[in-house]
Structures are given as structure tokens and as C-alpha cells.
Protein backbone atom coordinates (compact mmCIF):
# COMPACT_ATOMS: atom_id res chain seq x y z
CA MET A 1 2.75 196.42 244.74
CA GLN A 2 1.09 193.52 243.06
CA ASN A 3 -1.49 193.85 239.80
CA SER A 4 -5.03 193.30 240.57
CA ILE A 5 -6.25 190.14 238.79
CA TRP A 6 -9.75 191.27 239.45
CA SER A 7 -11.80 193.83 236.75
CA LEU A 8 -15.78 193.62 236.18
CA PRO A 9 -16.40 190.83 233.67
CA GLU A 10 -17.50 192.16 230.00
CA GLY A 11 -20.97 193.41 229.93
CA MET A 12 -21.61 193.29 234.00
CA HIS A 13 -22.45 196.80 234.95
CA HIS A 14 -22.89 198.76 238.34
CA GLN A 15 -26.82 197.76 238.62
CA PRO A 16 -27.03 195.03 240.77
CA TYR A 17 -24.29 196.54 243.14
CA SER A 18 -26.07 199.68 243.41
CA LYS A 19 -29.45 197.91 244.26
CA ARG A 20 -27.97 196.19 247.12
CA ARG A 21 -26.57 199.20 248.19
CA GLU A 22 -30.31 200.71 248.23
CA ILE A 23 -31.29 198.18 250.24
CA VAL A 24 -28.83 198.94 252.68
CA LEU A 25 -29.68 202.60 252.42
CA ALA A 26 -33.33 201.79 253.18
CA ARG A 27 -32.45 200.14 256.51
CA LEU A 28 -29.99 202.68 257.87
CA GLY A 29 -32.24 205.30 258.81
CA ASP A 30 -30.55 208.32 259.46
CA GLY A 31 -27.31 206.08 260.14
CA VAL A 32 -23.91 206.15 258.56
CA ALA A 33 -22.19 202.54 257.34
CA VAL A 34 -18.30 202.48 256.76
CA ILE A 35 -17.62 199.57 254.39
CA PRO A 36 -13.62 199.23 253.55
CA THR A 37 -11.88 196.28 251.12
CA ALA A 38 -9.12 194.03 252.34
CA PRO A 39 -5.65 195.69 252.25
CA GLU A 40 -2.89 194.42 250.76
CA ARG A 41 -0.81 192.06 252.30
CA LEU A 42 2.98 191.23 251.97
CA ARG A 43 4.00 187.81 250.95
CA ASN A 44 7.81 188.56 251.75
CA ARG A 45 10.42 191.27 251.49
CA ASP A 46 8.20 193.61 249.04
CA ALA A 47 6.29 190.78 247.25
CA HIS A 48 2.46 190.58 247.40
CA TYR A 49 0.37 188.20 248.07
CA PRO A 50 -2.10 188.09 244.81
CA TYR A 51 -4.96 190.73 245.96
CA ARG A 52 -8.17 189.30 246.62
CA PHE A 53 -11.01 192.23 248.12
CA ASP A 54 -13.19 192.13 251.00
CA SER A 55 -16.48 189.65 250.08
CA TYR A 56 -18.80 192.77 251.63
CA PHE A 57 -17.18 195.49 250.08
CA TRP A 58 -17.11 193.30 246.77
CA TYR A 59 -20.81 192.40 247.14
CA LEU A 60 -21.85 196.19 247.68
CA SER A 61 -19.29 197.91 244.77
CA GLY A 62 -17.88 195.58 242.17
CA PHE A 63 -14.70 197.76 242.69
CA PRO A 64 -11.78 195.62 242.29
CA GLU A 65 -9.13 197.83 243.43
CA PRO A 66 -7.26 197.94 246.80
CA GLU A 67 -7.58 201.26 249.06
CA ALA A 68 -10.92 202.03 248.89
CA VAL A 69 -13.55 202.14 251.26
CA ILE A 70 -17.83 203.05 251.29
CA VAL A 71 -19.47 205.12 253.03
CA LEU A 72 -23.65 204.82 253.15
CA VAL A 73 -24.76 207.88 254.74
CA GLY A 74 -28.68 207.52 254.99
CA GLY A 75 -31.77 209.47 255.58
CA LYS A 76 -33.68 211.76 253.77
CA GLU A 77 -30.64 212.80 251.08
CA ALA A 78 -29.26 209.06 251.17
CA LYS A 79 -26.19 209.19 248.90
CA SER A 80 -23.27 206.55 248.93
CA LEU A 81 -19.68 207.57 248.47
CA LEU A 82 -16.55 205.46 247.61
CA PHE A 83 -13.33 206.59 248.53
CA CYS A 84 -10.75 205.67 246.15
CA ARG A 85 -6.95 205.91 244.67
CA ASP A 86 -6.20 209.38 242.75
CA LYS A 87 -5.88 208.61 239.25
CA ASP A 88 -2.22 208.31 238.77
CA GLU A 89 -0.61 207.84 235.50
CA GLU A 90 3.16 207.34 236.17
CA GLN A 91 2.33 204.62 238.61
CA GLU A 92 -0.11 202.82 236.36
CA VAL A 93 3.63 202.61 234.29
CA TRP A 94 4.25 199.94 237.29
CA ASP A 95 1.26 198.52 238.80
CA GLY A 96 -1.61 198.76 235.53
CA PHE A 97 -5.14 200.82 235.68
CA ARG A 98 -6.35 203.16 238.04
CA TYR A 99 -9.81 204.20 237.67
CA GLY A 100 -9.40 207.25 239.62
CA PRO A 101 -12.46 208.94 242.09
CA GLN A 102 -13.95 210.66 238.96
CA THR A 103 -14.47 207.40 236.67
CA ALA A 104 -15.03 205.17 239.38
CA ALA A 105 -18.36 207.15 240.64
CA GLU A 106 -19.73 207.01 237.03
CA ALA A 107 -18.68 203.16 236.28
CA PHE A 108 -19.97 202.25 239.70
CA GLY A 109 -22.48 203.86 240.29
CA PHE A 110 -21.83 205.89 243.40
CA SER A 111 -23.50 209.56 244.19
CA GLU A 112 -19.88 210.38 244.77
CA ALA A 113 -16.22 209.38 244.99
CA HIS A 114 -13.61 210.89 246.63
CA PRO A 115 -9.74 210.27 246.94
CA ILE A 116 -8.84 207.70 249.91
CA ALA A 117 -6.50 210.52 251.66
CA SER A 118 -9.13 212.42 252.31
CA LEU A 119 -11.46 209.87 254.33
CA GLU A 120 -9.38 210.34 257.87
CA GLN A 121 -10.72 214.63 257.34
CA GLN A 122 -13.88 213.85 255.97
CA LEU A 123 -14.89 210.82 258.10
CA PRO A 124 -15.63 212.62 261.60
CA ALA A 125 -17.50 215.05 259.44
CA LEU A 126 -19.48 211.91 258.22
CA LEU A 127 -20.50 210.36 261.38
CA ALA A 128 -21.48 213.93 263.16
CA ASN A 129 -24.85 214.01 264.39
CA ARG A 130 -26.19 210.67 263.34
CA SER A 131 -27.67 208.32 265.46
CA VAL A 132 -25.91 204.93 264.43
CA LEU A 133 -22.80 204.17 263.01
CA TRP A 134 -22.37 200.82 261.44
CA HIS A 135 -19.20 199.15 260.99
CA SER A 136 -17.76 195.98 261.29
CA LEU A 137 -16.97 195.87 264.94
CA GLY A 138 -13.79 193.26 265.17
CA HIS A 139 -13.46 192.61 261.95
CA ASP A 140 -10.42 194.52 261.28
CA ALA A 141 -8.01 196.48 264.33
CA ASP A 142 -6.65 198.36 262.14
CA TRP A 143 -10.03 199.72 261.39
CA ASP A 144 -11.45 199.68 264.79
CA THR A 145 -8.79 201.97 265.61
CA ARG A 146 -9.41 205.01 262.73
CA ILE A 147 -13.33 204.24 263.81
CA ALA A 148 -12.79 205.31 267.37
CA ALA A 149 -10.41 207.80 266.68
CA ALA A 150 -12.83 209.68 264.17
CA LEU A 151 -15.54 209.22 266.76
CA ASN A 152 -13.32 210.74 269.45
CA THR A 153 -12.93 213.43 267.12
CA VAL A 154 -16.35 213.77 266.99
CA ARG A 155 -17.44 213.84 270.52
CA GLY A 156 -14.13 216.80 271.01
CA GLU A 157 -16.88 218.62 269.23
CA ASN A 158 -19.67 218.26 272.02
CA ARG A 159 -19.91 221.68 273.26
CA SER A 160 -20.13 222.84 269.77
CA GLY A 161 -23.80 221.17 269.69
CA THR A 162 -22.36 218.21 267.47
CA ARG A 163 -23.37 214.19 268.38
CA ALA A 164 -21.63 211.49 267.75
CA PRO A 165 -23.67 208.62 266.99
CA HIS A 166 -25.12 206.92 270.42
CA GLN A 167 -25.33 203.36 269.00
CA ILE A 168 -22.53 201.49 267.04
CA ARG A 169 -23.71 198.41 265.19
CA ASP A 170 -22.61 195.39 263.02
CA LEU A 171 -23.19 195.75 259.67
CA ARG A 172 -22.31 191.81 259.28
CA SER A 173 -25.59 191.14 260.51
CA LEU A 174 -27.58 192.83 258.20
CA LEU A 175 -25.10 191.96 254.64
CA ASP A 176 -25.21 188.24 256.16
CA GLU A 177 -29.07 188.45 255.72
CA MET A 178 -28.77 189.81 252.46
CA ARG A 179 -25.63 187.70 251.12
CA LEU A 180 -27.69 184.34 252.09
CA THR A 181 -30.07 184.46 249.18
CA LYS A 182 -28.56 185.10 245.82
CA ASP A 183 -29.88 187.71 243.45
CA ALA A 184 -30.13 186.39 240.09
CA HIS A 185 -26.56 188.40 239.07
CA GLU A 186 -25.06 186.06 241.63
CA ILE A 187 -26.94 183.01 240.87
CA ASP A 188 -25.34 183.40 236.99
CA CYS A 189 -22.31 184.22 238.28
CA MET A 190 -22.08 181.36 240.33
CA ARG A 191 -23.45 178.97 237.90
CA ARG A 192 -20.62 179.84 235.17
CA ALA A 193 -17.76 179.11 238.16
CA ALA A 194 -19.72 175.51 238.77
CA ASP A 195 -19.34 175.21 234.41
CA ILE A 196 -16.11 176.19 234.60
CA ALA A 197 -15.26 174.04 237.98
CA SER A 198 -17.06 170.82 236.21
CA ALA A 199 -14.72 171.10 233.27
CA GLY A 200 -11.56 171.14 235.32
CA HIS A 201 -13.10 168.29 237.26
CA ALA A 202 -13.47 166.22 233.78
CA ARG A 203 -9.81 166.86 232.31
CA ALA A 204 -8.20 165.80 235.57
CA MET A 205 -10.06 162.28 235.28
CA ARG A 206 -9.04 162.20 231.51
CA ALA A 207 -5.51 162.92 232.56
CA CYS A 208 -5.42 160.91 235.43
CA ARG A 209 -2.32 157.73 235.28
CA PRO A 210 -1.08 155.64 237.52
CA GLY A 211 2.78 157.11 238.53
CA MET A 212 1.89 160.59 238.24
CA ALA A 213 2.10 163.30 241.06
CA GLU A 214 -0.92 164.25 242.97
CA TYR A 215 0.40 167.52 241.72
CA GLU A 216 -0.02 166.72 238.16
CA LEU A 217 -3.80 166.77 238.49
CA GLU A 218 -3.92 170.02 240.35
CA ALA A 219 -2.12 171.55 237.18
CA GLU A 220 -4.74 170.29 235.16
CA LEU A 221 -7.05 172.10 237.09
CA SER A 222 -5.35 175.39 236.96
CA TYR A 223 -5.05 175.28 233.50
CA GLU A 224 -8.72 174.37 232.80
CA PHE A 225 -10.17 176.71 235.00
CA ARG A 226 -7.58 179.89 234.14
CA ARG A 227 -8.29 178.93 230.04
CA ARG A 228 -11.57 179.27 230.65
CA GLY A 229 -11.74 182.41 232.36
CA ALA A 230 -12.25 181.57 236.06
CA ASP A 231 -9.96 183.86 238.37
CA GLY A 232 -8.31 180.99 239.35
CA HIS A 233 -8.91 179.05 242.85
CA ALA A 234 -11.70 179.80 245.69
CA TYR A 235 -9.43 178.09 248.22
CA ALA A 236 -6.27 175.40 248.18
CA PRO A 237 -7.50 172.21 246.09
CA ILE A 238 -7.28 169.05 247.78
CA VAL A 239 -5.64 166.04 245.54
CA ALA A 240 -5.72 162.90 248.16
CA SER A 241 -4.56 159.93 246.33
CA GLY A 242 -5.09 156.58 248.69
CA ALA A 243 -5.03 157.08 252.03
CA ASN A 244 -4.74 160.27 251.98
CA ALA A 245 -8.55 160.75 250.94
CA CYS A 246 -9.13 160.35 254.55
CA ILE A 247 -7.32 163.34 255.53
CA LEU A 248 -10.24 165.91 254.96
CA HIS A 249 -8.11 169.43 254.51
CA TYR A 250 -5.23 167.27 252.71
CA VAL A 251 -3.20 169.59 250.55
CA ALA A 252 0.07 168.78 250.60
CA ASN A 253 -0.67 167.52 246.92
CA ASN A 254 2.43 165.78 246.59
CA LYS A 255 2.49 162.01 246.36
CA LEU A 256 2.34 159.68 243.39
CA LEU A 257 -1.00 158.35 242.51
CA ALA A 258 -0.78 154.58 242.37
CA ALA A 259 -2.83 152.52 240.19
CA PRO A 260 -5.39 150.17 242.86
CA SER A 261 -6.17 153.13 245.07
CA LEU A 262 -9.10 155.98 244.19
CA VAL A 263 -7.95 159.76 244.27
CA LEU A 264 -10.35 162.49 245.61
CA ILE A 265 -10.49 166.03 244.44
CA ASP A 266 -12.18 168.88 246.02
CA ALA A 267 -11.85 172.00 244.06
CA GLY A 268 -13.49 174.76 242.88
CA CYS A 269 -12.49 178.26 241.44
CA GLU A 270 -13.57 182.13 242.08
CA LEU A 271 -15.33 183.90 238.87
CA ALA A 272 -16.06 187.75 239.51
CA GLY A 273 -15.30 186.78 243.40
CA TYR A 274 -18.21 183.72 243.58
CA ALA A 275 -16.75 180.36 244.45
CA SER A 276 -17.78 177.16 243.11
CA ASP A 277 -16.88 173.64 245.33
CA ILE A 278 -16.76 170.48 243.45
CA THR A 279 -15.42 166.86 245.20
CA ARG A 280 -15.51 164.06 243.24
CA THR A 281 -13.57 160.63 243.59
CA PHE A 282 -12.62 158.31 240.94
CA PRO A 283 -10.23 155.36 240.23
CA VAL A 284 -6.39 156.39 239.19
CA SER A 285 -6.38 153.28 236.72
CA GLY A 286 -9.74 154.45 235.62
CA ARG A 287 -11.99 151.23 237.08
CA PHE A 288 -13.50 150.71 239.88
CA SER A 289 -12.61 147.52 241.88
CA ALA A 290 -15.61 145.75 243.49
CA SER A 291 -14.99 147.43 247.25
CA GLN A 292 -14.27 150.77 246.00
CA ARG A 293 -17.60 150.34 244.24
CA GLU A 294 -19.40 149.20 247.23
CA VAL A 295 -18.11 152.44 249.02
CA TYR A 296 -18.51 155.08 246.19
CA GLU A 297 -22.53 153.96 245.61
CA ILE A 298 -23.70 154.22 248.96
CA VAL A 299 -21.70 157.75 249.07
CA LEU A 300 -23.55 158.25 245.93
CA ALA A 301 -26.87 157.29 246.99
CA ALA A 302 -26.59 159.18 250.24
CA GLN A 303 -26.14 162.47 247.93
CA GLN A 304 -28.76 161.67 246.22
CA ALA A 305 -31.30 161.46 249.15
CA ALA A 306 -29.61 164.58 250.42
CA ILE A 307 -30.38 166.62 247.17
CA ALA A 308 -33.68 165.30 246.73
CA ALA A 309 -34.41 166.79 250.96
CA VAL A 310 -33.55 170.23 249.31
CA ARG A 311 -36.15 172.72 248.81
CA PRO A 312 -38.61 175.23 250.00
CA GLY A 313 -39.66 174.74 253.67
CA ALA A 314 -37.24 172.10 254.35
CA SER A 315 -35.06 172.83 257.74
CA PHE A 316 -30.70 173.25 256.88
CA MET A 317 -30.40 169.96 258.75
CA ASP A 318 -33.32 167.95 256.89
CA TYR A 319 -30.45 167.00 254.15
CA HIS A 320 -28.00 166.47 256.84
CA GLN A 321 -30.18 163.69 258.04
CA ALA A 322 -31.14 162.37 254.82
CA ALA A 323 -27.62 161.36 254.23
CA LEU A 324 -27.34 160.15 257.38
CA ARG A 325 -29.85 157.60 257.07
CA VAL A 326 -28.24 156.38 253.82
CA LEU A 327 -24.84 156.18 254.98
CA SER A 328 -25.60 154.65 257.87
CA GLN A 329 -27.70 151.76 256.00
CA GLY A 330 -24.56 151.43 254.19
CA LEU A 331 -22.39 150.72 257.16
CA ILE A 332 -24.68 148.01 258.06
CA ASP A 333 -24.91 146.43 255.27
CA LEU A 334 -20.85 146.78 255.54
CA LYS A 335 -21.63 144.80 258.78
CA LEU A 336 -19.15 148.17 260.42
CA ILE A 337 -22.17 148.78 262.35
CA THR A 338 -25.34 146.70 263.62
CA GLY A 339 -28.68 147.35 264.77
CA SER A 340 -31.44 149.66 262.70
CA VAL A 341 -31.09 152.75 260.71
CA ASP A 342 -32.69 155.13 263.74
CA GLY A 343 -30.39 153.39 265.86
CA ALA A 344 -27.47 154.36 264.22
CA VAL A 345 -28.74 157.97 263.49
CA ASP A 346 -29.35 158.94 266.89
CA SER A 347 -26.07 157.40 268.60
CA ALA A 348 -24.02 158.78 265.79
CA ALA A 349 -22.41 155.68 265.30
CA TYR A 350 -21.77 156.28 261.84
CA LYS A 351 -19.04 159.06 263.52
CA PRO A 352 -15.57 157.24 263.12
CA TRP A 353 -16.18 157.07 259.47
CA TYR A 354 -17.93 160.41 258.54
CA MET A 355 -17.41 163.46 260.50
CA HIS A 356 -18.62 166.15 258.71
CA ARG A 357 -21.88 167.97 257.97
CA THR A 358 -23.19 167.37 254.49
CA GLY A 359 -23.16 170.92 253.25
CA HIS A 360 -22.38 174.84 253.70
CA TRP A 361 -24.01 177.90 252.31
CA LEU A 362 -21.89 178.58 249.05
CA GLY A 363 -20.89 182.62 247.92
CA LEU A 364 -18.70 185.16 247.85
CA ASP A 365 -17.05 183.28 250.41
CA VAL A 366 -16.53 178.89 249.64
CA HIS A 367 -18.04 178.59 253.65
CA ASP A 368 -20.13 181.58 252.84
CA VAL A 369 -21.75 183.60 255.14
CA GLY A 370 -25.32 183.25 257.08
CA GLU A 371 -26.55 181.89 259.84
CA TYR A 372 -27.38 177.86 260.23
CA ARG A 373 -29.55 178.44 263.45
CA ASN A 374 -31.96 180.80 263.79
CA SER A 375 -31.74 179.78 267.84
CA PRO A 376 -29.51 177.73 270.13
CA ALA A 377 -32.48 175.18 269.89
CA ASP A 378 -31.67 171.88 268.53
CA ASP A 379 -34.57 171.69 265.93
CA ASP A 380 -34.29 175.20 265.24
CA TRP A 381 -32.16 175.42 262.20
CA THR A 382 -32.81 177.82 259.10
CA THR A 383 -35.53 176.75 256.53
CA LEU A 384 -34.46 176.81 253.34
CA VAL A 385 -35.81 179.77 250.49
CA ALA A 386 -35.41 180.11 246.75
CA GLY A 387 -32.42 181.69 246.40
CA MET A 388 -29.95 180.19 248.56
CA THR A 389 -27.08 178.23 247.50
CA LEU A 390 -25.11 175.13 249.42
CA THR A 391 -23.42 172.33 248.95
CA VAL A 392 -24.33 168.42 249.48
CA GLU A 393 -20.63 166.30 250.10
CA PRO A 394 -21.37 163.63 252.15
CA GLY A 395 -18.80 160.89 252.55
CA LEU A 396 -17.12 157.72 253.82
CA TYR A 397 -13.48 157.74 254.89
CA PHE A 398 -11.60 153.95 255.94
CA ARG A 399 -8.18 154.88 257.59
CA PRO A 400 -5.61 152.40 257.24
CA GLY A 401 -5.08 150.56 260.65
CA SER A 402 -8.60 151.58 261.47
CA THR A 403 -11.08 148.84 262.48
CA VAL A 404 -12.37 148.06 259.67
CA PRO A 405 -11.97 144.97 257.16
CA GLU A 406 -8.72 145.09 254.85
CA HIS A 407 -9.99 145.64 252.34
CA LEU A 408 -11.69 149.02 252.60
CA HIS A 409 -8.13 150.08 254.08
CA GLY A 410 -7.29 153.65 252.58
CA ILE A 411 -10.75 154.18 250.81
CA GLY A 412 -12.30 157.37 251.32
CA VAL A 413 -14.98 158.93 248.87
CA ARG A 414 -16.66 162.17 249.09
CA ILE A 415 -19.15 163.71 246.25
CA GLU A 416 -20.18 166.95 246.66
CA ASP A 417 -22.03 169.21 244.32
CA ASP A 418 -23.33 172.78 244.22
CA VAL A 419 -27.02 173.02 244.59
CA LEU A 420 -29.43 176.16 244.09
CA VAL A 421 -32.63 176.14 246.10
CA THR A 422 -35.26 177.02 243.59
CA ALA A 423 -39.40 177.86 244.38
CA ASP A 424 -40.07 173.89 243.50
CA GLY A 425 -36.93 171.70 245.08
CA CYS A 426 -33.93 172.74 243.98
CA THR A 427 -31.16 172.71 240.86
CA VAL A 428 -27.61 171.06 240.77
CA TYR A 429 -25.48 173.45 238.59
CA SER A 430 -22.36 171.44 238.81
CA SER A 431 -21.87 168.70 236.46
CA ALA A 432 -18.77 166.97 236.09
CA PRO A 433 -19.22 163.29 235.69
CA LYS A 434 -20.35 161.56 238.58
CA THR A 435 -21.79 157.95 238.44
CA ILE A 436 -19.63 155.18 237.93
CA ALA A 437 -20.18 154.55 234.20
CA GLU A 438 -20.11 158.82 233.67
CA ILE A 439 -16.56 158.53 235.18
CA GLU A 440 -15.35 155.44 233.62
CA GLU A 441 -16.47 156.18 230.01
CA VAL A 442 -14.72 159.94 231.06
CA MET A 443 -11.68 157.78 231.49
CA GLY A 444 -11.53 155.98 228.92
CA HIS A 445 -12.34 152.39 230.65
CA GLY A 446 -16.53 153.01 229.58
């Protein structure tokens, strides 16, 4: 078994997690909710992947160990239960510290904690005579089977007057709504994750030299992330030089850096479960060429327009539209499309060179949970409110061989920052060098 790398950061207490459980308990009525963490997974033979908890479980517990389940019991005598591994000092010699039920209940603010081995026996009694079972149906096939078995056990006691829950509701819809707006604890974690990731990007810029491999820049990021206390990468990093930058999810990271080209790095770290997600594009040589500069300035202006559109009361689509207008004008200026900006936006004439959205929700998952639309209607996009966190990441990509002038071939630019919606606008809390002057200065050519 792989020892967990996760632990509560020093000074962190269980209050944020306990408060979230209280909010859920208040909304359960007399129902009961079951939230398991993620299982450990084999990498090959008897070697495991590094353990990473389930995001929903972590959101309600902060408990880092595998083989754990939260059961929230609503009603007049509401309580939160944790089922976890027993304290086992002999096993700790091999795998490291375990809390055990008694210590875990106190450390993480649960009403009760019990050995995980007792859950199968206790679960039917916890479900009995409850009107609603809250469970993330379809999230984990093994858990769907275990829940069905517990329900059938309760139904088997029908003649003795015991009732099984008559409704099963998806707990994810409730938790997604909560997770979409971040509390103060989450915002602090995400600010720190963004600070660390920003330092990693700056380090990669300083280290960059022609002839290096993309994976060497990836190593610079990894070093800086771990050196500053992050738990690792939040997702597989993209280090894409030259035409590789025109592949949106390029992760091979195995080509050599050529002096005339740009390199696009899309990388973020994870801290206490929370992701940062930053993209920077810079010249391998340390100095932008005229063509690179022209494209870069268009994308930077699009990002600035999009960030200016992020504020309470705006819709999720508004900042995407703001970016599209600037990118379309830039493509007109580059003589790649003709006509008006309105016409280019309405007809999606930009699509060959900009094919993705300008951002996504950010949180415990790098593409975090939460609805983007309130209904299927074209104009019914989610309204931004203070506390939401999202990315702003416009780009332009000119693949070699495409119908663009040769001097643009292989230029791919994306600029991405992490943004918090505030009461009066927004705050950009990623700070890696971004303007051409800042980048060239950091790379020693300013």
C-alpha cells in the first residue's frame, strides 16, 4: 500500500469541514447521506498510485486516509459519523500513521467514529425508517452495489414494521451547489496554491534555454511546487514548445526547445486538496519575435477584457464573449478573417484558431463542479456571485500547414489566470510574469 502524502496543514482545524457538514445536515430533513472516499488503486502488480481522496469526501471531512466513509444522519438528533481504519501500530511500521476512530472523531469534529469493518453491519440500521437516502448514484459502481445490499436488508425487515427510504436523491447536486461558492478557508488555500504555481512558472522562465527538453522545464516546475509545500501537480502538466503548443492537451513533454519558438506551459499545483491552474507562454530565446509579439498582445488584450467582465451579476458567458470580441478583432487585424467583429463572433469565424471556452470553475477539482447553465436556454447562463473561483484563459493557435501566413505557423499562445469573484468585481490571485516586458525581464533580456 502507498502511504498517503496528505495531511492537514499545520494550524488547520476541522471547523470549516464541520460547518459544511452542519449545512448538509440541515438540508437532509430526516434523511441520511453516505459519502465514501476514493479507494486506493493499483498501478501495477503490488505498487499503488499515490493516494488521492475523493473531493466530495474531503470537502466534508478533511480526513486524508483511504478506507473511510462519512454517514450524515439528519433529523432532531442529527449527527455526523466517520467510519475509518482501526489504529494499527504494527501496520504503521509499514505504511505510516493512522488516526484510528477514537482520535479521528476528536481531530476532525465528528459526533462519532467507528471501525470501517463495522459499516456493513451498521448501515442497514442507519438507513432504517429514514424517508430519503442521499447517495451519489452512478459515481462508484461498487458503492451502488453496497448501498443496494443495505437497502435490501432493510426491506427484508418490512414485516417487523421497519421502513426503507422511499426516495434516493443524488447528493452531488446539493454539494455541487455548495462547492461552487468558496468559503474563506477555501479561498485561502487557493491563494496559496496560486502563489506556489506562480513561482513555479517564473522558475521555468528563468531556467529556459534553447536545447533543453520540455521535460526539463517540467522538472523545474515540480521542484518549485514541492519546495514550497505543494502536494504535487493538480493535473498532468503541459510543456509544449513550438507547434506542440497548438495541441490543446499535449502532455508528452519530450521535445527539445528550439531557439526561434515559443513554449506554452499549462501547469498548476495542488495544496490541501485545492488546485491552481495557470498558463504562460514565453519565447525559448527570452525575446519575442515581431510575429510572436503581435499574437501575444492580442491574447493578452483578450484576457484583460475578459477579466474586466468578471463581476457579480454578470453571467458565466459574459467574459467569454468579451474575449471573443478582442480575439476576433485581432484576427481581422491579422487579415485572417474579414468583416465586422459582430459578424465574426456571430458566425464563429474565429473557431479555426480559438476552439475552447475562456474558462471554467476551479476548486477541489481543476475543472470544478457546478452548473454553467441554469437551463438549456441559450442565454440562461449561471450568474456570477462573490466567492466563485474560475479561470480566464483565452488563446490563439496557428497550426503548421493551416491556411495562415507562414510567419504565424507553429505559434500557439494561451494566457491563463485564477480569478476570484469579489463583492465589487474580481481579484486575480495568480501572479506569474505575464506582460512581454515582465517575461523578457525575468528571462534576462529585458
